[in-house]
Amino acid sequence: MIRSFRTNPRYLEMYHWKMGIGLFAVNCLLLYFTDQTWNDLAYYVPVLFLLVSPQIMVAMTGYACAIGLTLWQGNFDSMSLVEALAALIVTFPVSGLMHSTSHDSMRPRWLNRPVGELMGMFHLVGYPDWKIIHIIHHTYTDDAQLDPHPPGEKSYWEFAKGMRNAAA
């Protein structure tokens, strides 16, 4: 994967197109099995294009639009709030699995890619995006110019403590 990224400047772009088309098809299939009217779908179809984006901010905008449309139409189910909370709780083990697959530490080794792709869908980011950034991060850990998420002038532990304090 990293070799393809380094040799093909359009590797991630092509991956995003494939995943976008696949996720769009899955969303259309899910909509097919719901009891939506064509009028409802006319509102939600533009949102589908946002939700399948590999860019987190675009997908989150789509998520916010979908909630707004649901509230506006008056068919919001309070169970959706419970489901949203459950999705947040599931995020933690999913993050751990995705991290493990980026290090190819699952056995058998062939499971790393399919599990990583599935976990990438939970995170609304493609597996290659995560793995490539993670590999580069470990190659240039804490380098202010080359690390994809450098801690700035702080040591690793100062940076980690700052993240913990920001989350509290």
N, C-alpha and C. Protein backbone atom coordinates (compact mmCIF):
# COMPACT_ATOMS: atom_id res chain seq x y z
N MET A 1 0.82 -1.19 0.00
CA MET A 1 0.00 0.00 0.00
C MET A 1 0.87 1.26 0.00
N ILE A 2 1.84 1.31 0.89
CA ILE A 2 2.70 2.50 0.95
C ILE A 2 3.51 2.62 -0.34
N ARG A 3 3.92 1.48 -0.92
CA ARG A 3 4.66 1.50 -2.18
C ARG A 3 3.77 2.08 -3.29
N SER A 4 2.51 1.66 -3.34
CA SER A 4 1.58 2.19 -4.34
C SER A 4 1.37 3.69 -4.15
N PHE A 5 1.29 4.11 -2.90
CA PHE A 5 1.12 5.54 -2.60
C PHE A 5 2.31 6.35 -3.09
N ARG A 6 3.51 5.81 -2.88
CA ARG A 6 4.72 6.55 -3.27
C ARG A 6 4.96 6.54 -4.77
N THR A 7 4.51 5.50 -5.48
CA THR A 7 4.77 5.42 -6.92
C THR A 7 3.63 5.97 -7.77
N ASN A 8 2.43 6.01 -7.23
CA ASN A 8 1.28 6.48 -7.99
C ASN A 8 0.69 7.72 -7.31
N PRO A 9 0.89 8.91 -7.86
CA PRO A 9 0.41 10.12 -7.20
C PRO A 9 -1.12 10.19 -7.10
N ARG A 10 -1.83 9.36 -7.84
CA ARG A 10 -3.29 9.36 -7.79
C ARG A 10 -3.85 8.18 -7.00
N TYR A 11 -3.01 7.48 -6.26
CA TYR A 11 -3.43 6.27 -5.54
C TYR A 11 -4.61 6.55 -4.61
N LEU A 12 -4.49 7.55 -3.73
CA LEU A 12 -5.57 7.83 -2.78
C LEU A 12 -6.80 8.38 -3.48
N GLU A 13 -6.61 9.18 -4.52
CA GLU A 13 -7.75 9.70 -5.27
C GLU A 13 -8.57 8.56 -5.88
N MET A 14 -7.89 7.61 -6.49
CA MET A 14 -8.58 6.47 -7.09
C MET A 14 -9.27 5.63 -6.01
N TYR A 15 -8.58 5.44 -4.89
CA TYR A 15 -9.19 4.70 -3.78
C TYR A 15 -10.46 5.42 -3.30
N HIS A 16 -10.41 6.74 -3.15
CA HIS A 16 -11.58 7.49 -2.68
C HIS A 16 -12.74 7.38 -3.65
N TRP A 17 -12.47 7.41 -4.94
CA TRP A 17 -13.54 7.25 -5.93
C TRP A 17 -14.19 5.87 -5.80
N LYS A 18 -13.37 4.82 -5.70
CA LYS A 18 -13.91 3.46 -5.57
C LYS A 18 -14.75 3.32 -4.30
N MET A 19 -14.21 3.81 -3.20
CA MET A 19 -14.95 3.73 -1.93
C MET A 19 -16.21 4.58 -1.97
N GLY A 20 -16.13 5.76 -2.57
CA GLY A 20 -17.31 6.62 -2.68
C GLY A 20 -18.43 5.95 -3.46
N ILE A 21 -18.08 5.33 -4.57
CA ILE A 21 -19.09 4.63 -5.38
C ILE A 21 -19.66 3.45 -4.60
N GLY A 22 -18.77 2.71 -3.93
CA GLY A 22 -19.23 1.56 -3.13
C GLY A 22 -20.14 1.98 -1.98
N LEU A 23 -19.74 3.01 -1.24
CA LEU A 23 -20.56 3.47 -0.12
C LEU A 23 -21.87 4.07 -0.60
N PHE A 24 -21.85 4.74 -1.74
CA PHE A 24 -23.08 5.28 -2.30
C PHE A 24 -24.05 4.14 -2.64
N ALA A 25 -23.51 3.07 -3.24
CA ALA A 25 -24.35 1.91 -3.57
C ALA A 25 -24.93 1.27 -2.32
N VAL A 26 -24.12 1.15 -1.27
CA VAL A 26 -24.61 0.57 -0.01
C VAL A 26 -25.72 1.45 0.58
N ASN A 27 -25.52 2.77 0.56
CA ASN A 27 -26.55 3.67 1.08
C ASN A 27 -27.83 3.56 0.26
N CYS A 28 -27.71 3.46 -1.06
CA CYS A 28 -28.90 3.31 -1.90
C CYS A 28 -29.62 2.00 -1.58
N LEU A 29 -28.86 0.95 -1.37
CA LEU A 29 -29.46 -0.35 -1.02
C LEU A 29 -30.18 -0.27 0.32
N LEU A 30 -29.56 0.39 1.30
CA LEU A 30 -30.21 0.55 2.60
C LEU A 30 -31.50 1.36 2.48
N LEU A 31 -31.47 2.39 1.65
CA LEU A 31 -32.67 3.19 1.44
C LEU A 31 -33.77 2.39 0.75
N TYR A 32 -33.37 1.47 -0.13
CA TYR A 32 -34.33 0.64 -0.84
C TYR A 32 -35.16 -0.19 0.14
N PHE A 33 -34.53 -0.64 1.21
CA PHE A 33 -35.21 -1.51 2.17
C PHE A 33 -35.96 -0.75 3.27
N THR A 34 -35.97 0.57 3.20
CA THR A 34 -36.77 1.34 4.16
C THR A 34 -38.06 1.77 3.49
N ASP A 35 -39.00 2.21 4.29
CA ASP A 35 -40.29 2.62 3.72
C ASP A 35 -40.34 4.13 3.50
N GLN A 36 -39.36 4.62 2.75
CA GLN A 36 -39.31 6.04 2.41
C GLN A 36 -40.15 6.29 1.16
N THR A 37 -40.71 7.46 1.07
CA THR A 37 -41.42 7.85 -0.13
C THR A 37 -40.44 8.55 -1.07
N TRP A 38 -40.81 8.69 -2.33
CA TRP A 38 -39.94 9.38 -3.28
C TRP A 38 -39.73 10.82 -2.86
N ASN A 39 -40.72 11.40 -2.23
CA ASN A 39 -40.60 12.78 -1.76
C ASN A 39 -39.52 12.87 -0.67
N ASP A 40 -39.52 11.89 0.27
CA ASP A 40 -38.48 11.85 1.30
C ASP A 40 -37.10 11.69 0.68
N LEU A 41 -37.01 10.79 -0.30
CA LEU A 41 -35.73 10.52 -0.93
C LEU A 41 -35.19 11.75 -1.65
N ALA A 42 -36.08 12.54 -2.21
CA ALA A 42 -35.63 13.75 -2.91
C ALA A 42 -34.86 14.67 -1.96
N TYR A 43 -35.24 14.66 -0.67
CA TYR A 43 -34.52 15.47 0.31
C TYR A 43 -33.18 14.84 0.69
N TYR A 44 -33.15 13.50 0.80
CA TYR A 44 -31.98 12.81 1.34
C TYR A 44 -30.91 12.47 0.30
N VAL A 45 -31.25 12.39 -0.97
CA VAL A 45 -30.26 12.01 -1.98
C VAL A 45 -29.05 12.94 -1.98
N PRO A 46 -29.23 14.26 -1.93
CA PRO A 46 -28.03 15.12 -1.87
C PRO A 46 -27.17 14.83 -0.63
N VAL A 47 -27.81 14.47 0.47
CA VAL A 47 -27.08 14.15 1.70
C VAL A 47 -26.21 12.91 1.51
N LEU A 48 -26.71 11.94 0.72
CA LEU A 48 -25.93 10.73 0.47
C LEU A 48 -24.58 11.04 -0.15
N PHE A 49 -24.55 12.02 -1.05
CA PHE A 49 -23.28 12.39 -1.68
C PHE A 49 -22.30 12.95 -0.66
N LEU A 50 -22.81 13.60 0.38
CA LEU A 50 -21.93 14.10 1.44
C LEU A 50 -21.47 12.97 2.35
N LEU A 51 -22.39 12.06 2.70
CA LEU A 51 -22.06 10.99 3.65
C LEU A 51 -21.01 10.02 3.13
N VAL A 52 -20.94 9.82 1.82
CA VAL A 52 -19.97 8.86 1.29
C VAL A 52 -18.59 9.46 1.06
N SER A 53 -18.42 10.72 1.40
CA SER A 53 -17.12 11.35 1.21
C SER A 53 -16.08 10.78 2.16
N PRO A 54 -14.87 10.56 1.68
CA PRO A 54 -13.80 10.11 2.58
C PRO A 54 -13.27 11.24 3.46
N GLN A 55 -13.68 12.47 3.19
CA GLN A 55 -13.25 13.61 3.99
C GLN A 55 -14.17 13.75 5.19
N ILE A 56 -13.63 13.69 6.38
CA ILE A 56 -14.41 13.65 7.61
C ILE A 56 -15.31 14.88 7.74
N MET A 57 -14.85 16.05 7.40
CA MET A 57 -15.68 17.25 7.56
C MET A 57 -16.86 17.25 6.60
N VAL A 58 -16.67 16.75 5.40
CA VAL A 58 -17.77 16.66 4.44
C VAL A 58 -18.80 15.63 4.91
N ALA A 59 -18.31 14.47 5.37
CA ALA A 59 -19.22 13.43 5.87
C ALA A 59 -19.98 13.91 7.11
N MET A 60 -19.30 14.62 8.00
CA MET A 60 -19.98 15.14 9.20
C MET A 60 -21.01 16.20 8.82
N THR A 61 -20.75 16.98 7.79
CA THR A 61 -21.74 17.93 7.29
C THR A 61 -22.96 17.18 6.78
N GLY A 62 -22.73 16.09 6.08
CA GLY A 62 -23.84 15.25 5.61
C GLY A 62 -24.63 14.67 6.76
N TYR A 63 -23.93 14.23 7.80
CA TYR A 63 -24.58 13.69 9.00
C TYR A 63 -25.45 14.75 9.65
N ALA A 64 -24.91 15.96 9.79
CA ALA A 64 -25.69 17.06 10.39
C ALA A 64 -26.90 17.40 9.52
N CYS A 65 -26.71 17.40 8.20
CA CYS A 65 -27.83 17.68 7.29
C CYS A 65 -28.91 16.61 7.41
N ALA A 66 -28.50 15.35 7.52
CA ALA A 66 -29.47 14.25 7.65
C ALA A 66 -30.28 14.39 8.94
N ILE A 67 -29.62 14.73 10.03
CA ILE A 67 -30.34 14.94 11.30
C ILE A 67 -31.27 16.13 11.17
N GLY A 68 -30.78 17.21 10.57
CA GLY A 68 -31.62 18.39 10.38
C GLY A 68 -32.85 18.09 9.53
N LEU A 69 -32.67 17.34 8.44
CA LEU A 69 -33.80 16.97 7.60
C LEU A 69 -34.80 16.11 8.35
N THR A 70 -34.29 15.17 9.14
CA THR A 70 -35.16 14.29 9.91
C THR A 70 -35.96 15.08 10.93
N LEU A 71 -35.30 15.99 11.63
CA LEU A 71 -36.02 16.84 12.59
C LEU A 71 -37.05 17.72 11.89
N TRP A 72 -36.68 18.26 10.75
CA TRP A 72 -37.57 19.14 9.99
C TRP A 72 -38.80 18.39 9.50
N GLN A 73 -38.61 17.12 9.10
CA GLN A 73 -39.73 16.33 8.60
C GLN A 73 -40.60 15.77 9.73
N GLY A 74 -40.11 15.83 10.95
CA GLY A 74 -40.93 15.40 12.09
C GLY A 74 -40.98 13.91 12.31
N ASN A 75 -40.08 13.13 11.70
CA ASN A 75 -40.11 11.69 11.93
C ASN A 75 -38.86 11.21 12.68
N PHE A 76 -38.35 12.07 13.55
CA PHE A 76 -37.17 11.74 14.35
C PHE A 76 -37.57 10.77 15.45
N ASP A 77 -36.84 9.69 15.58
CA ASP A 77 -37.10 8.66 16.57
C ASP A 77 -36.08 8.83 17.71
N SER A 78 -36.55 8.89 18.95
CA SER A 78 -35.64 9.08 20.08
C SER A 78 -34.65 7.92 20.21
N MET A 79 -34.98 6.77 19.67
CA MET A 79 -34.05 5.63 19.70
C MET A 79 -32.78 5.97 18.91
N SER A 80 -32.87 6.90 17.98
CA SER A 80 -31.70 7.31 17.21
C SER A 80 -30.62 7.90 18.10
N LEU A 81 -31.02 8.57 19.18
CA LEU A 81 -30.04 9.12 20.11
C LEU A 81 -29.28 8.00 20.82
N VAL A 82 -29.99 6.94 21.20
CA VAL A 82 -29.35 5.78 21.83
C VAL A 82 -28.38 5.13 20.84
N GLU A 83 -28.80 5.01 19.59
CA GLU A 83 -27.93 4.42 18.56
C GLU A 83 -26.69 5.28 18.34
N ALA A 84 -26.84 6.58 18.36
CA ALA A 84 -25.69 7.47 18.19
C ALA A 84 -24.71 7.31 19.35
N LEU A 85 -25.21 7.19 20.57
CA LEU A 85 -24.35 6.96 21.73
C LEU A 85 -23.63 5.61 21.62
N ALA A 86 -24.35 4.59 21.19
CA ALA A 86 -23.74 3.27 21.00
C ALA A 86 -22.62 3.34 19.96
N ALA A 87 -22.84 4.11 18.90
CA ALA A 87 -21.81 4.26 17.86
C ALA A 87 -20.55 4.91 18.43
N LEU A 88 -20.73 5.89 19.32
CA LEU A 88 -19.57 6.52 19.95
C LEU A 88 -18.81 5.54 20.83
N ILE A 89 -19.53 4.70 21.57
CA ILE A 89 -18.89 3.71 22.45
C ILE A 89 -18.13 2.68 21.62
N VAL A 90 -18.69 2.26 20.48
CA VAL A 90 -18.04 1.27 19.62
C VAL A 90 -16.77 1.83 18.98
N THR A 91 -16.67 3.14 18.90
CA THR A 91 -15.52 3.78 18.27
C THR A 91 -14.20 3.39 18.93
N PHE A 92 -14.18 3.20 20.23
CA PHE A 92 -12.92 2.90 20.93
C PHE A 92 -12.31 1.57 20.53
N PRO A 93 -13.05 0.44 20.61
CA PRO A 93 -12.42 -0.81 20.15
C PRO A 93 -12.14 -0.80 18.65
N VAL A 94 -12.96 -0.10 17.87
CA VAL A 94 -12.73 0.01 16.43
C VAL A 94 -11.39 0.71 16.18
N SER A 95 -11.12 1.77 16.95
CA SER A 95 -9.84 2.49 16.80
C SER A 95 -8.68 1.57 17.12
N GLY A 96 -8.81 0.78 18.15
CA GLY A 96 -7.74 -0.16 18.51
C GLY A 96 -7.49 -1.18 17.41
N LEU A 97 -8.57 -1.71 16.84
CA LEU A 97 -8.41 -2.69 15.76
C LEU A 97 -7.76 -2.05 14.53
N MET A 98 -8.17 -0.83 14.22
CA MET A 98 -7.61 -0.16 13.05
C MET A 98 -6.12 0.11 13.27
N HIS A 99 -5.75 0.49 14.46
CA HIS A 99 -4.34 0.72 14.78
C HIS A 99 -3.56 -0.58 14.64
N SER A 100 -4.11 -1.67 15.15
CA SER A 100 -3.42 -2.97 15.05
C SER A 100 -3.25 -3.40 13.60
N THR A 101 -4.29 -3.20 12.79
CA THR A 101 -4.17 -3.61 11.39
C THR A 101 -3.16 -2.74 10.64
N SER A 102 -3.00 -1.49 11.04
CA SER A 102 -2.03 -0.63 10.36
C SER A 102 -0.60 -1.09 10.62
N HIS A 103 -0.41 -1.84 11.70
CA HIS A 103 0.90 -2.42 12.00
C HIS A 103 1.00 -3.87 11.52
N ASP A 104 -0.03 -4.34 10.79
CA ASP A 104 -0.09 -5.72 10.31
C ASP A 104 0.09 -6.73 11.43
N SER A 105 -0.51 -6.45 12.58
CA SER A 105 -0.29 -7.34 13.74
C SER A 105 -1.41 -8.36 13.94
N MET A 106 -2.41 -8.38 13.08
CA MET A 106 -3.45 -9.40 13.19
C MET A 106 -2.96 -10.69 12.56
N ARG A 107 -3.38 -11.80 13.12
CA ARG A 107 -3.05 -13.11 12.56
C ARG A 107 -4.34 -13.83 12.25
N PRO A 108 -4.47 -14.46 11.11
CA PRO A 108 -3.53 -14.50 10.00
C PRO A 108 -3.40 -13.13 9.34
N ARG A 109 -2.25 -12.90 8.72
CA ARG A 109 -1.91 -11.58 8.20
C ARG A 109 -2.88 -11.08 7.12
N TRP A 110 -3.49 -11.99 6.36
CA TRP A 110 -4.39 -11.57 5.30
C TRP A 110 -5.62 -10.86 5.86
N LEU A 111 -5.91 -11.01 7.16
CA LEU A 111 -7.06 -10.35 7.78
C LEU A 111 -6.84 -8.85 7.98
N ASN A 112 -5.59 -8.39 7.98
CA ASN A 112 -5.32 -6.99 8.26
C ASN A 112 -6.05 -6.05 7.29
N ARG A 113 -6.00 -6.31 6.00
CA ARG A 113 -6.63 -5.40 5.03
C ARG A 113 -8.16 -5.39 5.15
N PRO A 114 -8.84 -6.56 5.13
CA PRO A 114 -10.31 -6.50 5.22
C PRO A 114 -10.81 -5.93 6.54
N VAL A 115 -10.16 -6.27 7.65
CA VAL A 115 -10.57 -5.72 8.94
C VAL A 115 -10.28 -4.22 8.97
N GLY A 116 -9.13 -3.81 8.46
CA GLY A 116 -8.79 -2.39 8.40
C GLY A 116 -9.78 -1.60 7.56
N GLU A 117 -10.20 -2.16 6.42
CA GLU A 117 -11.19 -1.48 5.57
C GLU A 117 -12.51 -1.32 6.30
N LEU A 118 -12.95 -2.37 6.99
CA LEU A 118 -14.20 -2.30 7.74
C LEU A 118 -14.11 -1.27 8.86
N MET A 119 -13.00 -1.26 9.58
CA MET A 119 -12.82 -0.29 10.65
C MET A 119 -12.73 1.13 10.08
N GLY A 120 -12.14 1.26 8.90
CA GLY A 120 -12.06 2.57 8.24
C GLY A 120 -13.44 3.12 7.93
N MET A 121 -14.40 2.25 7.61
CA MET A 121 -15.76 2.71 7.35
C MET A 121 -16.40 3.27 8.62
N PHE A 122 -16.13 2.64 9.76
CA PHE A 122 -16.65 3.15 11.02
C PHE A 122 -16.14 4.56 11.29
N HIS A 123 -14.89 4.80 10.91
CA HIS A 123 -14.25 6.09 11.16
C HIS A 123 -14.50 7.10 10.05
N LEU A 124 -15.20 6.69 9.01
CA LEU A 124 -15.48 7.56 7.86
C LEU A 124 -14.20 8.05 7.20
N VAL A 125 -13.19 7.22 7.25
CA VAL A 125 -11.93 7.51 6.55
C VAL A 125 -11.46 6.20 5.96
N GLY A 126 -10.85 6.26 4.82
CA GLY A 126 -10.38 5.04 4.20
C GLY A 126 -9.19 4.44 4.93
N TYR A 127 -9.09 3.13 4.88
CA TYR A 127 -7.98 2.44 5.53
C TYR A 127 -6.62 2.89 5.00
N PRO A 128 -6.45 3.05 3.67
CA PRO A 128 -5.14 3.52 3.20
C PRO A 128 -4.77 4.89 3.77
N ASP A 129 -5.75 5.80 3.90
CA ASP A 129 -5.45 7.11 4.49
C ASP A 129 -4.85 6.93 5.88
N TRP A 130 -5.52 6.14 6.70
CA TRP A 130 -5.08 5.91 8.07
C TRP A 130 -3.70 5.25 8.09
N LYS A 131 -3.56 4.15 7.34
CA LYS A 131 -2.31 3.38 7.40
C LYS A 131 -1.12 4.18 6.87
N ILE A 132 -1.30 4.88 5.76
CA ILE A 132 -0.19 5.64 5.18
C ILE A 132 0.25 6.74 6.14
N ILE A 133 -0.69 7.49 6.69
CA ILE A 133 -0.34 8.55 7.64
C ILE A 133 0.33 7.95 8.87
N HIS A 134 -0.17 6.79 9.32
CA HIS A 134 0.39 6.15 10.51
C HIS A 134 1.83 5.67 10.26
N ILE A 135 2.05 5.10 9.08
CA ILE A 135 3.40 4.63 8.75
C ILE A 135 4.37 5.82 8.67
N ILE A 136 3.94 6.90 8.01
CA ILE A 136 4.79 8.08 7.91
C ILE A 136 5.04 8.67 9.30
N HIS A 137 4.00 8.67 10.14
CA HIS A 137 4.16 9.17 11.51
C HIS A 137 5.23 8.37 12.25
N HIS A 138 5.19 7.04 12.15
CA HIS A 138 6.20 6.23 12.85
C HIS A 138 7.59 6.38 12.23
N THR A 139 7.65 6.70 10.96
CA THR A 139 8.95 6.91 10.32
C THR A 139 9.59 8.20 10.81
N TYR A 140 8.75 9.24 11.02
CA TYR A 140 9.26 10.56 11.39
C TYR A 140 8.62 11.07 12.69
N THR A 141 8.48 10.19 13.68
CA THR A 141 7.82 10.56 14.92
C THR A 141 8.40 11.83 15.53
N ASP A 142 7.51 12.78 15.81
CA ASP A 142 7.82 14.05 16.47
C ASP A 142 8.73 14.98 15.66
N ASP A 143 9.00 14.68 14.38
CA ASP A 143 9.76 15.59 13.54
C ASP A 143 8.82 16.72 13.13
N ALA A 144 9.20 17.95 13.43
CA ALA A 144 8.33 19.10 13.22
C ALA A 144 7.94 19.29 11.75
N GLN A 145 8.79 18.87 10.80
CA GLN A 145 8.48 19.06 9.39
C GLN A 145 7.87 17.82 8.73
N LEU A 146 8.26 16.62 9.14
CA LEU A 146 7.88 15.42 8.41
C LEU A 146 6.78 14.58 9.07
N ASP A 147 6.58 14.70 10.37
CA ASP A 147 5.52 13.94 11.05
C ASP A 147 4.17 14.54 10.64
N PRO A 148 3.21 13.70 10.18
CA PRO A 148 1.91 14.23 9.77
C PRO A 148 1.14 14.92 10.90
N HIS A 149 1.43 14.57 12.14
CA HIS A 149 0.81 15.27 13.27
C HIS A 149 1.85 15.48 14.38
N PRO A 150 2.79 16.43 14.11
CA PRO A 150 3.87 16.67 15.07
C PRO A 150 3.34 17.36 16.33
N PRO A 151 4.01 17.13 17.46
CA PRO A 151 3.56 17.76 18.71
C PRO A 151 4.05 19.19 18.87
N GLY A 152 4.63 19.75 17.84
CA GLY A 152 5.15 21.12 17.96
C GLY A 152 6.44 21.12 18.76
N GLU A 153 6.56 22.05 19.67
CA GLU A 153 7.78 22.17 20.48
C GLU A 153 7.73 21.31 21.73
N LYS A 154 6.63 20.58 21.93
CA LYS A 154 6.47 19.78 23.15
C LYS A 154 7.09 18.40 22.97
N SER A 155 7.46 17.79 24.10
CA SER A 155 7.88 16.40 24.06
C SER A 155 6.64 15.55 23.85
N TYR A 156 6.85 14.27 23.56
CA TYR A 156 5.70 13.38 23.38
C TYR A 156 4.78 13.40 24.58
N TRP A 157 5.35 13.30 25.79
CA TRP A 157 4.52 13.21 27.00
C TRP A 157 3.80 14.53 27.28
N GLU A 158 4.43 15.65 26.99
CA GLU A 158 3.74 16.95 27.14
C GLU A 158 2.57 17.04 26.15
N PHE A 159 2.81 16.55 24.92
CA PHE A 159 1.77 16.56 23.90
C PHE A 159 0.62 15.65 24.31
N ALA A 160 0.93 14.44 24.78
CA ALA A 160 -0.10 13.49 25.19
C ALA A 160 -0.89 14.03 26.38
N LYS A 161 -0.20 14.63 27.35
CA LYS A 161 -0.89 15.21 28.51
C LYS A 161 -1.81 16.35 28.06
N GLY A 162 -1.35 17.16 27.11
CA GLY A 162 -2.18 18.24 26.57
C GLY A 162 -3.43 17.72 25.89
N MET A 163 -3.30 16.58 25.17
CA MET A 163 -4.48 15.98 24.53
C MET A 163 -5.45 15.49 25.60
N ARG A 164 -4.93 14.87 26.66
CA ARG A 164 -5.78 14.36 27.72
C ARG A 164 -6.50 15.51 28.43
N ASN A 165 -5.78 16.60 28.69
CA ASN A 165 -6.39 17.76 29.33
C ASN A 165 -7.45 18.41 28.44
N ALA A 166 -7.19 18.43 27.13
CA ALA A 166 -8.16 19.03 26.19
C ALA A 166 -9.42 18.19 26.12
N ALA A 167 -9.29 16.87 26.30
CA ALA A 167 -10.46 15.98 26.21
C ALA A 167 -11.26 15.97 27.51
N ALA A 168 -10.67 16.45 28.60
CA ALA A 168 -11.34 16.38 29.90
C ALA A 168 -12.40 17.46 30.04
